[in-house]
Amino acid sequence: MTGWVYKSTGSYYTVKTDTGALYDCRIKGKFRIQGIKSTNPIAVGDRVDFDLDQSTDEIIGQIHTIHDRKNYIIRKSVNLSKQVHIIAANVDVVFLLITINNPTTTTSFIDRFLVTAEAYGIEAVLIFNKIDTYDEAALEEQLYLQYVYSQIGYRCLRVSALESKGLEELKVLMKGKVCMFSGHSGVGKSTLVNALEPGLDLRTASISDSHQQGQHTTTFAEMFDLSFGTKIIDTPGIRGFGVVDMEPEEVSDYFPEFFALKESCKFNNCLHKEEPQCAVKKALDADEIAWSRYRSYLQILAGDDEQYRGDQYADERKSG
């Protein structure tokens, strides 16, 4: 039998066949010894073949084949530094939910996510959520970030799930596609899915008052069929996003505004750091490239963990 993985808990998988039947499945041990260094060799969105084990009262499927993926989005495992975690597979478009505060989404996090989406060939759209909660300062910050990423070429949407703002535009972008929602805990992923499809009634929770961090309401990645011809993968909130398997000389290729200038650099292997006649550094000095993007680039190049926090936006505007 063949189907799509709709839910992954780490110990079992819910697989939906083309006829709409759902089966709980386990993974055969061989996948764990085939050189796959992922914490989850099978991900939501995978196309798999499985056999039913009817030797017991409980019918359980045994997954024995993973079909070739057209793409996947991946990050470093939180607890196992030498392994990676596949967030989802076979995705048409990924929507990164961003909140200015409540909680704060840093440009470092945004850029790492976008770099990974670029590297794995997945269209990325930025959703600035909770716009109904913004005061004047937060609104200024949001519009500035929207300007930065729109200039690069990323589509940006302003959304309020609670006030149903921007939902129709979002539905147009989602229709007929396998979509993924991602972002920090508390940015409103499940609330937004509920607003798009009220009948799902996904569990939500409020932000922690003491740390302004979201509480994990989505424990496992899960895919849902929506009534307007869309599949949505809802994922657990992530605090950090580690970039995986990139050589230093290729990192700038996944920054579109850097890549566009690459051929104008004096050296074809320019890392855009101390090299003379670097087109990227020239554009940076002319304020044609955002300093936050360049800082993120250097951070990824150095292999550093995320460390830039909320005051970076103000620092950048002062430097500009």
C-alpha atoms as a PDB file:
ATOM      1  CA  MET A   1       0.000   0.000   0.000  1.00  0.00           C
ATOM      2  CA  THR A   2       1.073   3.593  -0.637  1.00  0.00           C
ATOM      3  CA  GLY A   3       0.205   6.815   1.126  1.00  0.00           C
ATOM      4  CA  TRP A   4       1.313  10.180   2.491  1.00  0.00           C
ATOM      5  CA  VAL A   5       2.662  10.630   6.018  1.00  0.00           C
ATOM      6  CA  TYR A   6       0.213  12.947   7.779  1.00  0.00           C
ATOM      7  CA  LYS A   7       1.584  12.777  11.308  1.00  0.00           C
ATOM      8  CA  SER A   8       4.879  11.862  12.932  1.00  0.00           C
ATOM      9  CA  THR A   9       5.323  11.399  16.662  1.00  0.00           C
ATOM     10  CA  GLY A  10       8.785   9.896  16.510  1.00  0.00           C
ATOM     11  CA  SER A  11       7.512   6.446  17.431  1.00  0.00           C
ATOM     12  CA  TYR A  12       4.633   6.018  15.004  1.00  0.00           C
ATOM     13  CA  TYR A  13       3.323   7.595  11.816  1.00  0.00           C
ATOM     14  CA  THR A  14      -0.184   8.226  10.534  1.00  0.00           C
ATOM     15  CA  VAL A  15      -0.322   7.429   6.830  1.00  0.00           C
ATOM     16  CA  LYS A  16      -3.218   8.399   4.563  1.00  0.00           C
ATOM     17  CA  THR A  17      -3.778   6.425   1.369  1.00  0.00           C
ATOM     18  CA  ASP A  18      -5.097   7.895  -1.868  1.00  0.00           C
ATOM     19  CA  THR A  19      -8.526   6.479  -0.993  1.00  0.00           C
ATOM     20  CA  GLY A  20      -8.556   8.484   2.239  1.00  0.00           C
ATOM     21  CA  ALA A  21      -7.987   5.585   4.644  1.00  0.00           C
ATOM     22  CA  LEU A  22      -5.771   6.310   7.673  1.00  0.00           C
ATOM     23  CA  TYR A  23      -3.339   3.776   9.140  1.00  0.00           C
ATOM     24  CA  ASP A  24      -1.023   3.872  12.126  1.00  0.00           C
ATOM     25  CA  CYS A  25       2.391   2.692  10.985  1.00  0.00           C
ATOM     26  CA  ARG A  26       5.764   1.863  12.416  1.00  0.00           C
ATOM     27  CA  ILE A  27       9.107   2.161  10.718  1.00  0.00           C
ATOM     28  CA  LYS A  28      11.243  -0.865   9.897  1.00  0.00           C
ATOM     29  CA  GLY A  29      14.591  -0.841  11.672  1.00  0.00           C
ATOM     30  CA  LYS A  30      16.642  -0.857   8.483  1.00  0.00           C
ATOM     31  CA  PHE A  31      15.999   2.857   7.920  1.00  0.00           C
ATOM     32  CA  ARG A  32      17.962   3.610  11.062  1.00  0.00           C
ATOM     33  CA  ILE A  33      21.124   1.918   9.756  1.00  0.00           C
ATOM     34  CA  GLN A  34      21.156   3.174   6.186  1.00  0.00           C
ATOM     35  CA  GLY A  35      23.403   6.128   6.879  1.00  0.00           C
ATOM     36  CA  ILE A  36      20.523   8.535   7.512  1.00  0.00           C
ATOM     37  CA  LYS A  37      21.785  10.875  10.223  1.00  0.00           C
ATOM     38  CA  SER A  38      18.403  12.472  10.764  1.00  0.00           C
ATOM     39  CA  THR A  39      16.597  12.117  14.071  1.00  0.00           C
ATOM     40  CA  ASN A  40      13.502  11.352  11.974  1.00  0.00           C
ATOM     41  CA  PRO A  41      14.255   9.398   8.783  1.00  0.00           C
ATOM     42  CA  ILE A  42      10.580   9.704   7.824  1.00  0.00           C
ATOM     43  CA  ALA A  43       8.899  13.112   7.907  1.00  0.00           C
ATOM     44  CA  VAL A  44       5.411  14.517   7.458  1.00  0.00           C
ATOM     45  CA  GLY A  45       4.842  14.974   3.740  1.00  0.00           C
ATOM     46  CA  ASP A  46       6.779  11.845   2.765  1.00  0.00           C
ATOM     47  CA  ARG A  47       5.291   9.420   0.256  1.00  0.00           C
ATOM     48  CA  VAL A  48       5.770   5.890   1.595  1.00  0.00           C
ATOM     49  CA  ASP A  49       4.969   2.256   0.868  1.00  0.00           C
ATOM     50  CA  PHE A  50       3.803   0.061   3.732  1.00  0.00           C
ATOM     51  CA  ASP A  51       2.437  -3.398   4.472  1.00  0.00           C
ATOM     52  CA  LEU A  52      -0.241  -4.203   7.016  1.00  0.00           C
ATOM     53  CA  ASP A  53       0.647  -6.534   9.873  1.00  0.00           C
ATOM     54  CA  GLN A  54      -2.566  -8.383  10.653  1.00  0.00           C
ATOM     55  CA  SER A  55      -1.030 -10.954  12.970  1.00  0.00           C
ATOM     56  CA  THR A  56      -2.377  -9.129  16.027  1.00  0.00           C
ATOM     57  CA  ASP A  57      -5.740  -7.651  16.996  1.00  0.00           C
ATOM     58  CA  GLU A  58      -4.376  -4.149  16.321  1.00  0.00           C
ATOM     59  CA  ILE A  59      -3.687  -3.537  12.619  1.00  0.00           C
ATOM     60  CA  ILE A  60      -0.355  -1.764  12.291  1.00  0.00           C
ATOM     61  CA  GLY A  61       1.401  -0.826   9.067  1.00  0.00           C
ATOM     62  CA  GLN A  62       5.108  -1.425   8.533  1.00  0.00           C
ATOM     63  CA  ILE A  63       6.741   1.274   6.381  1.00  0.00           C
ATOM     64  CA  HIS A  64       9.367  -0.286   4.152  1.00  0.00           C
ATOM     65  CA  THR A  65       9.989   2.288   1.383  1.00  0.00           C
ATOM     66  CA  ILE A  66      10.313   6.073   1.226  1.00  0.00           C
ATOM     67  CA  HIS A  67       9.710   7.559  -2.212  1.00  0.00           C
ATOM     68  CA  ASP A  68      12.199  10.112  -3.536  1.00  0.00           C
ATOM     69  CA  ARG A  69      11.539  13.561  -2.121  1.00  0.00           C
ATOM     70  CA  LYS A  70      11.263  16.587  -4.381  1.00  0.00           C
ATOM     71  CA  ASN A  71      12.531  18.668  -1.456  1.00  0.00           C
ATOM     72  CA  TYR A  72      12.576  18.921   2.304  1.00  0.00           C
ATOM     73  CA  ILE A  73      13.384  21.527   4.912  1.00  0.00           C
ATOM     74  CA  ILE A  74      15.891  20.648   7.568  1.00  0.00           C
ATOM     75  CA  ARG A  75      17.680  22.050  10.610  1.00  0.00           C
ATOM     76  CA  LYS A  76      20.239  20.933  13.155  1.00  0.00           C
ATOM     77  CA  SER A  77      18.889  18.728  15.898  1.00  0.00           C
ATOM     78  CA  VAL A  78      18.559  20.590  19.175  1.00  0.00           C
ATOM     79  CA  ASN A  79      20.019  17.872  21.394  1.00  0.00           C
ATOM     80  CA  LEU A  80      22.174  15.903  18.966  1.00  0.00           C
ATOM     81  CA  SER A  81      24.619  18.274  17.286  1.00  0.00           C
ATOM     82  CA  LYS A  82      25.826  15.731  14.713  1.00  0.00           C
ATOM     83  CA  GLN A  83      22.335  14.907  13.555  1.00  0.00           C
ATOM     84  CA  VAL A  84      19.684  16.850  11.710  1.00  0.00           C
ATOM     85  CA  HIS A  85      15.920  17.071  11.960  1.00  0.00           C
ATOM     86  CA  ILE A  86      13.751  17.025   8.845  1.00  0.00           C
ATOM     87  CA  ILE A  87      10.849  19.381   9.561  1.00  0.00           C
ATOM     88  CA  ALA A  88       8.744  18.417   6.521  1.00  0.00           C
ATOM     89  CA  ALA A  89       9.092  16.951   3.032  1.00  0.00           C
ATOM     90  CA  ASN A  90       7.600  17.593  -0.427  1.00  0.00           C
ATOM     91  CA  VAL A  91       6.568  21.151   0.411  1.00  0.00           C
ATOM     92  CA  ASP A  92       5.376  23.608  -2.259  1.00  0.00           C
ATOM     93  CA  VAL A  93       5.581  26.747  -0.137  1.00  0.00           C
ATOM     94  CA  VAL A  94       6.636  27.482   3.428  1.00  0.00           C
ATOM     95  CA  PHE A  95       5.096  30.331   5.411  1.00  0.00           C
ATOM     96  CA  LEU A  96       7.308  31.713   8.167  1.00  0.00           C
ATOM     97  CA  LEU A  97       5.233  33.423  10.841  1.00  0.00           C
ATOM     98  CA  ILE A  98       6.927  36.465  12.366  1.00  0.00           C
ATOM     99  CA  THR A  99       5.929  38.518  15.389  1.00  0.00           C
ATOM    100  CA  ILE A 100       7.662  41.742  16.385  1.00  0.00           C
ATOM    101  CA  ASN A 101       7.098  41.042  20.064  1.00  0.00           C
ATOM    102  CA  ASN A 102       4.966  38.609  22.000  1.00  0.00           C
ATOM    103  CA  PRO A 103       7.307  36.789  21.202  1.00  0.00           C
ATOM    104  CA  THR A 104      10.199  38.475  19.356  1.00  0.00           C
ATOM    105  CA  THR A 105      11.320  36.995  16.046  1.00  0.00           C
ATOM    106  CA  THR A 106      14.895  38.069  15.294  1.00  0.00           C
ATOM    107  CA  THR A 107      16.293  38.773  11.856  1.00  0.00           C
ATOM    108  CA  SER A 108      18.927  36.144  12.593  1.00  0.00           C
ATOM    109  CA  PHE A 109      16.211  33.508  12.852  1.00  0.00           C
ATOM    110  CA  ILE A 110      14.390  34.790   9.768  1.00  0.00           C
ATOM    111  CA  ASP A 111      17.545  34.790   7.659  1.00  0.00           C
ATOM    112  CA  ARG A 112      18.624  31.298   8.728  1.00  0.00           C
ATOM    113  CA  PHE A 113      15.210  29.978   7.816  1.00  0.00           C
ATOM    114  CA  LEU A 114      15.210  31.725   4.438  1.00  0.00           C
ATOM    115  CA  VAL A 115      18.718  30.502   3.634  1.00  0.00           C
ATOM    116  CA  THR A 116      17.628  26.924   4.299  1.00  0.00           C
ATOM    117  CA  ALA A 117      14.498  27.327   2.167  1.00  0.00           C
ATOM    118  CA  GLU A 118      16.629  28.726  -0.670  1.00  0.00           C
ATOM    119  CA  ALA A 119      19.134  25.881  -0.353  1.00  0.00           C
ATOM    120  CA  TYR A 120      16.432  23.216  -0.610  1.00  0.00           C
ATOM    121  CA  GLY A 121      14.448  24.921  -3.360  1.00  0.00           C
ATOM    122  CA  ILE A 122      11.309  25.808  -1.396  1.00  0.00           C
ATOM    123  CA  GLU A 123       9.381  29.019  -1.972  1.00  0.00           C
ATOM    124  CA  ALA A 124       9.204  31.057   1.238  1.00  0.00           C
ATOM    125  CA  VAL A 125       6.606  33.664   2.219  1.00  0.00           C
ATOM    126  CA  LEU A 126       6.860  35.859   5.312  1.00  0.00           C
ATOM    127  CA  ILE A 127       3.710  36.352   7.384  1.00  0.00           C
ATOM    128  CA  PHE A 128       3.809  39.221   9.860  1.00  0.00           C
ATOM    129  CA  ASN A 129       1.208  38.000  12.318  1.00  0.00           C
ATOM    130  CA  LYS A 130      -0.705  39.614  15.192  1.00  0.00           C
ATOM    131  CA  ILE A 131      -0.754  43.033  13.499  1.00  0.00           C
ATOM    132  CA  ASP A 132      -3.809  43.886  15.618  1.00  0.00           C
ATOM    133  CA  THR A 133      -1.544  43.989  18.699  1.00  0.00           C
ATOM    134  CA  TYR A 134       1.095  46.423  17.400  1.00  0.00           C
ATOM    135  CA  ASP A 135       1.647  49.809  18.975  1.00  0.00           C
ATOM    136  CA  GLU A 136       3.294  52.613  16.989  1.00  0.00           C
ATOM    137  CA  ALA A 137       6.862  51.421  17.656  1.00  0.00           C
ATOM    138  CA  ALA A 138       6.076  47.802  16.780  1.00  0.00           C
ATOM    139  CA  LEU A 139       4.281  48.890  13.623  1.00  0.00           C
ATOM    140  CA  GLU A 140       7.294  50.941  12.539  1.00  0.00           C
ATOM    141  CA  GLU A 141       9.542  47.944  13.127  1.00  0.00           C
ATOM    142  CA  GLN A 142       7.220  45.617  11.222  1.00  0.00           C
ATOM    143  CA  LEU A 143       6.971  47.908   8.222  1.00  0.00           C
ATOM    144  CA  TYR A 144      10.750  48.321   8.173  1.00  0.00           C
ATOM    145  CA  LEU A 145      11.290  44.561   8.113  1.00  0.00           C
ATOM    146  CA  GLN A 146       8.627  44.174   5.452  1.00  0.00           C
ATOM    147  CA  TYR A 147      10.465  46.739   3.339  1.00  0.00           C
ATOM    148  CA  VAL A 148      13.811  44.939   3.785  1.00  0.00           C
ATOM    149  CA  TYR A 149      12.514  41.543   2.707  1.00  0.00           C
ATOM    150  CA  SER A 150      10.201  42.838  -0.020  1.00  0.00           C
ATOM    151  CA  GLN A 151      13.169  44.620  -1.617  1.00  0.00           C
ATOM    152  CA  ILE A 152      15.018  41.303  -1.750  1.00  0.00           C
ATOM    153  CA  GLY A 153      12.055  39.700  -3.507  1.00  0.00           C
ATOM    154  CA  TYR A 154      10.256  37.839  -0.716  1.00  0.00           C
ATOM    155  CA  ARG A 155       6.475  38.062  -0.623  1.00  0.00           C
ATOM    156  CA  CYS A 156       5.267  39.479   2.694  1.00  0.00           C
ATOM    157  CA  LEU A 157       1.771  39.404   4.175  1.00  0.00           C
ATOM    158  CA  ARG A 158       0.324  41.292   7.128  1.00  0.00           C
ATOM    159  CA  VAL A 159      -2.132  39.098   9.004  1.00  0.00           C
ATOM    160  CA  SER A 160      -4.331  39.104  12.066  1.00  0.00           C
ATOM    161  CA  ALA A 161      -5.912  35.733  12.718  1.00  0.00           C
ATOM    162  CA  LEU A 162      -8.097  37.161  15.495  1.00  0.00           C
ATOM    163  CA  GLU A 163      -9.469  39.958  13.300  1.00  0.00           C
ATOM    164  CA  SER A 164      -9.462  37.922  10.059  1.00  0.00           C
ATOM    165  CA  LYS A 165      -7.175  40.396   8.310  1.00  0.00           C
ATOM    166  CA  GLY A 166      -5.157  39.149   5.341  1.00  0.00           C
ATOM    167  CA  LEU A 167      -6.725  35.679   5.379  1.00  0.00           C
ATOM    168  CA  GLU A 168      -8.242  35.798   1.893  1.00  0.00           C
ATOM    169  CA  GLU A 169      -4.941  36.863   0.352  1.00  0.00           C
ATOM    170  CA  LEU A 170      -3.235  34.052   2.229  1.00  0.00           C
ATOM    171  CA  LYS A 171      -5.765  31.493   0.978  1.00  0.00           C
ATOM    172  CA  VAL A 172      -5.045  32.514  -2.624  1.00  0.00           C
ATOM    173  CA  LEU A 173      -1.335  31.806  -2.112  1.00  0.00           C
ATOM    174  CA  MET A 174      -2.078  28.458  -0.457  1.00  0.00           C
ATOM    175  CA  LYS A 175      -4.711  27.049  -2.808  1.00  0.00           C
ATOM    176  CA  GLY A 176      -3.797  23.775  -4.475  1.00  0.00           C
ATOM    177  CA  LYS A 177      -0.438  23.516  -2.676  1.00  0.00           C
ATOM    178  CA  VAL A 178       1.219  21.594   0.126  1.00  0.00           C
ATOM    179  CA  CYS A 179       2.024  24.370   2.594  1.00  0.00           C
ATOM    180  CA  MET A 180       3.959  24.493   5.829  1.00  0.00           C
ATOM    181  CA  PHE A 181       3.597  26.949   8.705  1.00  0.00           C
ATOM    182  CA  SER A 182       6.690  27.464  10.832  1.00  0.00           C
ATOM    183  CA  GLY A 183       8.069  29.902  13.388  1.00  0.00           C
ATOM    184  CA  HIS A 184       8.775  30.307  17.073  1.00  0.00           C
ATOM    185  CA  SER A 185       6.405  28.951  19.703  1.00  0.00           C
ATOM    186  CA  GLY A 186       3.686  31.491  20.321  1.00  0.00           C
ATOM    187  CA  VAL A 187       3.710  33.273  16.942  1.00  0.00           C
ATOM    188  CA  GLY A 188       0.208  31.966  16.282  1.00  0.00           C
ATOM    189  CA  LYS A 189       0.584  29.080  13.858  1.00  0.00           C
ATOM    190  CA  SER A 190      -2.260  26.966  15.242  1.00  0.00           C
ATOM    191  CA  THR A 191      -4.468  30.028  15.777  1.00  0.00           C
ATOM    192  CA  LEU A 192      -3.956  30.983  12.135  1.00  0.00           C
ATOM    193  CA  VAL A 193      -4.788  27.470  10.924  1.00  0.00           C
ATOM    194  CA  ASN A 194      -7.956  27.600  13.039  1.00  0.00           C
ATOM    195  CA  ALA A 195      -8.880  30.942  11.453  1.00  0.00           C
ATOM    196  CA  LEU A 196      -8.402  29.478   7.979  1.00  0.00           C
ATOM    197  CA  GLU A 197     -10.313  26.289   8.832  1.00  0.00           C
ATOM    198  CA  PRO A 198     -12.382  26.765  12.023  1.00  0.00           C
ATOM    199  CA  GLY A 199     -13.558  23.156  12.067  1.00  0.00           C
ATOM    200  CA  LEU A 200     -10.058  21.862  12.867  1.00  0.00           C
ATOM    201  CA  ASP A 201     -10.068  23.483  16.325  1.00  0.00           C
ATOM    202  CA  LEU A 202      -6.338  23.026  16.939  1.00  0.00           C
ATOM    203  CA  ARG A 203      -5.218  23.537  20.516  1.00  0.00           C
ATOM    204  CA  THR A 204      -3.690  26.936  21.343  1.00  0.00           C
ATOM    205  CA  ALA A 205      -2.218  28.572  24.436  1.00  0.00           C
ATOM    206  CA  SER A 206      -1.294  32.052  25.618  1.00  0.00           C
ATOM    207  CA  ILE A 207       2.198  33.516  25.739  1.00  0.00           C
ATOM    208  CA  SER A 208       4.225  33.079  28.929  1.00  0.00           C
ATOM    209  CA  ASP A 209       4.047  36.408  30.775  1.00  0.00           C
ATOM    210  CA  SER A 210       7.399  35.914  32.481  1.00  0.00           C
ATOM    211  CA  HIS A 211       9.499  35.187  29.396  1.00  0.00           C
ATOM    212  CA  GLN A 212       7.296  36.323  26.509  1.00  0.00           C
ATOM    213  CA  GLN A 213       7.811  32.936  24.895  1.00  0.00           C
ATOM    214  CA  GLY A 214       5.211  30.750  23.341  1.00  0.00           C
ATOM    215  CA  GLN A 215       4.020  27.570  24.955  1.00  0.00           C
ATOM    216  CA  HIS A 216       4.301  24.441  22.834  1.00  0.00           C
ATOM    217  CA  THR A 217       0.764  23.538  21.787  1.00  0.00           C
ATOM    218  CA  THR A 218       1.753  21.670  18.619  1.00  0.00           C
ATOM    219  CA  THR A 219       3.829  18.748  19.891  1.00  0.00           C
ATOM    220  CA  PHE A 220       4.330  16.902  16.606  1.00  0.00           C
ATOM    221  CA  ALA A 221       4.262  17.892  12.964  1.00  0.00           C
ATOM    222  CA  GLU A 222       0.922  17.093  11.377  1.00  0.00           C
ATOM    223  CA  MET A 223      -0.661  17.637   7.953  1.00  0.00           C
ATOM    224  CA  PHE A 224      -4.299  18.624   7.467  1.00  0.00           C
ATOM    225  CA  ASP A 225      -6.552  18.785   4.405  1.00  0.00           C
ATOM    226  CA  LEU A 226      -8.279  22.155   4.215  1.00  0.00           C
ATOM    227  CA  SER A 227     -11.628  22.781   2.557  1.00  0.00           C
ATOM    228  CA  PHE A 228     -10.282  25.193  -0.047  1.00  0.00           C
ATOM    229  CA  GLY A 229      -8.030  22.631  -1.751  1.00  0.00           C
ATOM    230  CA  THR A 230      -4.891  22.919   0.339  1.00  0.00           C
ATOM    231  CA  LYS A 231      -2.754  20.725   2.549  1.00  0.00           C
ATOM    232  CA  ILE A 232      -1.186  22.457   5.532  1.00  0.00           C
ATOM    233  CA  ILE A 233       1.630  21.094   7.673  1.00  0.00           C
ATOM    234  CA  ASP A 234       1.513  22.547  11.184  1.00  0.00           C
ATOM    235  CA  THR A 235       4.848  22.196  12.966  1.00  0.00           C
ATOM    236  CA  PRO A 236       6.021  22.544  16.577  1.00  0.00           C
ATOM    237  CA  GLY A 237       7.466  25.926  17.484  1.00  0.00           C
ATOM    238  CA  ILE A 238      11.237  26.188  17.182  1.00  0.00           C
ATOM    239  CA  ARG A 239      13.463  28.431  19.304  1.00  0.00           C
ATOM    240  CA  GLY A 240      16.574  28.289  17.119  1.00  0.00           C
ATOM    241  CA  PHE A 241      17.344  27.360  13.562  1.00  0.00           C
ATOM    242  CA  GLY A 242      20.716  25.758  12.827  1.00  0.00           C
ATOM    243  CA  VAL A 243      21.848  25.851   9.183  1.00  0.00           C
ATOM    244  CA  VAL A 244      23.026  22.492   7.883  1.00  0.00           C
ATOM    245  CA  ASP A 245      25.682  21.289   5.423  1.00  0.00           C
ATOM    246  CA  MET A 246      26.800  24.471   3.683  1.00  0.00           C
ATOM    247  CA  GLU A 247      30.319  25.187   2.534  1.00  0.00           C
ATOM    248  CA  PRO A 248      31.519  28.759   3.253  1.00  0.00           C
ATOM    249  CA  GLU A 249      31.771  29.647  -0.427  1.00  0.00           C
ATOM    250  CA  GLU A 250      28.137  28.700  -1.108  1.00  0.00           C
ATOM    251  CA  VAL A 251      26.420  30.479   1.773  1.00  0.00           C
ATOM    252  CA  SER A 252      26.136  33.781  -0.111  1.00  0.00           C
ATOM    253  CA  ASP A 253      24.394  31.982  -2.994  1.00  0.00           C
ATOM    254  CA  TYR A 254      21.359  31.607  -0.720  1.00  0.00           C
ATOM    255  CA  PHE A 255      21.182  35.340  -0.018  1.00  0.00           C
ATOM    256  CA  PRO A 256      19.499  36.483  -3.275  1.00  0.00           C
ATOM    257  CA  GLU A 257      20.750  40.068  -3.043  1.00  0.00           C
ATOM    258  CA  PHE A 258      24.337  38.816  -2.530  1.00  0.00           C
ATOM    259  CA  PHE A 259      24.077  36.282  -5.337  1.00  0.00           C
ATOM    260  CA  ALA A 260      22.915  39.000  -7.767  1.00  0.00           C
ATOM    261  CA  LEU A 261      26.180  40.888  -7.154  1.00  0.00           C
ATOM    262  CA  LYS A 262      28.530  37.918  -7.075  1.00  0.00           C
ATOM    263  CA  GLU A 263      29.818  38.251 -10.649  1.00  0.00           C
ATOM    264  CA  SER A 264      30.769  41.873 -10.012  1.00  0.00           C
ATOM    265  CA  CYS A 265      33.248  40.928  -7.280  1.00  0.00           C
ATOM    266  CA  LYS A 266      36.924  40.950  -8.283  1.00  0.00           C
ATOM    267  CA  PHE A 267      37.414  37.361  -7.112  1.00  0.00           C
ATOM    268  CA  ASN A 268      35.000  34.612  -8.156  1.00  0.00           C
ATOM    269  CA  ASN A 269      35.494  32.912  -4.774  1.00  0.00           C
ATOM    270  CA  CYS A 270      34.904  36.116  -2.816  1.00  0.00           C
ATOM    271  CA  LEU A 271      33.516  35.546   0.686  1.00  0.00           C
ATOM    272  CA  HIS A 272      32.511  39.224   0.971  1.00  0.00           C
ATOM    273  CA  LYS A 273      34.613  39.790   4.070  1.00  0.00           C
ATOM    274  CA  GLU A 274      38.037  41.408   3.628  1.00  0.00           C
ATOM    275  CA  GLU A 275      38.556  40.885  -0.099  1.00  0.00           C
ATOM    276  CA  PRO A 276      39.274  43.977  -2.239  1.00  0.00           C
ATOM    277  CA  GLN A 277      36.757  45.232  -4.800  1.00  0.00           C
ATOM    278  CA  CYS A 278      33.886  43.247  -3.289  1.00  0.00           C
ATOM    279  CA  ALA A 279      30.566  44.236  -4.846  1.00  0.00           C
ATOM    280  CA  VAL A 280      28.614  43.084  -1.805  1.00  0.00           C
ATOM    281  CA  LYS A 281      30.667  45.205   0.602  1.00  0.00           C
ATOM    282  CA  LYS A 282      30.346  48.150  -1.782  1.00  0.00           C
ATOM    283  CA  ALA A 283      26.543  47.749  -1.836  1.00  0.00           C
ATOM    284  CA  LEU A 284      26.542  47.419   1.949  1.00  0.00           C
ATOM    285  CA  ASP A 285      28.426  50.701   2.357  1.00  0.00           C
ATOM    286  CA  ALA A 286      25.931  52.343   0.005  1.00  0.00           C
ATOM    287  CA  ASP A 287      23.009  51.068   2.133  1.00  0.00           C
ATOM    288  CA  GLU A 288      21.788  48.945  -0.776  1.00  0.00           C
ATOM    289  CA  ILE A 289      21.999  45.820   1.404  1.00  0.00           C
ATOM    290  CA  ALA A 290      20.552  45.640   4.920  1.00  0.00           C
ATOM    291  CA  TRP A 291      23.141  45.403   7.677  1.00  0.00           C
ATOM    292  CA  SER A 292      21.038  42.825   9.507  1.00  0.00           C
ATOM    293  CA  ARG A 293      21.290  40.542   6.472  1.00  0.00           C
ATOM    294  CA  TYR A 294      25.057  40.954   6.331  1.00  0.00           C
ATOM    295  CA  ARG A 295      25.381  40.245  10.064  1.00  0.00           C
ATOM    296  CA  SER A 296      23.324  37.088   9.613  1.00  0.00           C
ATOM    297  CA  TYR A 297      25.567  36.073   6.720  1.00  0.00           C
ATOM    298  CA  LEU A 298      28.739  36.502   8.802  1.00  0.00           C
ATOM    299  CA  GLN A 299      27.145  34.618  11.691  1.00  0.00           C
ATOM    300  CA  ILE A 300      26.266  31.649   9.453  1.00  0.00           C
ATOM    301  CA  LEU A 301      29.702  31.785   7.845  1.00  0.00           C
ATOM    302  CA  ALA A 302      31.347  31.584  11.269  1.00  0.00           C
ATOM    303  CA  GLY A 303      29.095  28.730  12.353  1.00  0.00           C
ATOM    304  CA  ASP A 304      27.881  30.699  15.368  1.00  0.00           C
ATOM    305  CA  ASP A 305      24.626  29.981  17.124  1.00  0.00           C
ATOM    306  CA  GLU A 306      21.828  32.536  17.006  1.00  0.00           C
ATOM    307  CA  GLN A 307      22.722  35.395  19.261  1.00  0.00           C
ATOM    308  CA  TYR A 308      21.306  38.647  17.923  1.00  0.00           C
ATOM    309  CA  ARG A 309      18.233  39.789  19.809  1.00  0.00           C
ATOM    310  CA  GLY A 310      15.619  42.486  19.687  1.00  0.00           C
ATOM    311  CA  ASP A 311      17.737  45.665  19.749  1.00  0.00           C
ATOM    312  CA  GLN A 312      19.370  44.800  16.417  1.00  0.00           C
ATOM    313  CA  TYR A 313      16.608  46.543  14.471  1.00  0.00           C
ATOM    314  CA  ALA A 314      17.174  49.852  16.207  1.00  0.00           C
ATOM    315  CA  ASP A 315      20.953  49.497  15.821  1.00  0.00           C
ATOM    316  CA  GLU A 316      20.563  48.919  12.109  1.00  0.00           C
ATOM    317  CA  ARG A 317      18.284  51.901  11.586  1.00  0.00           C
ATOM    318  CA  LYS A 318      20.798  54.108  13.418  1.00  0.00           C
ATOM    319  CA  SER A 319      23.638  52.824  11.240  1.00  0.00           C
ATOM    320  CA  GLY A 320      21.531  53.419   8.104  1.00  0.00           C
END
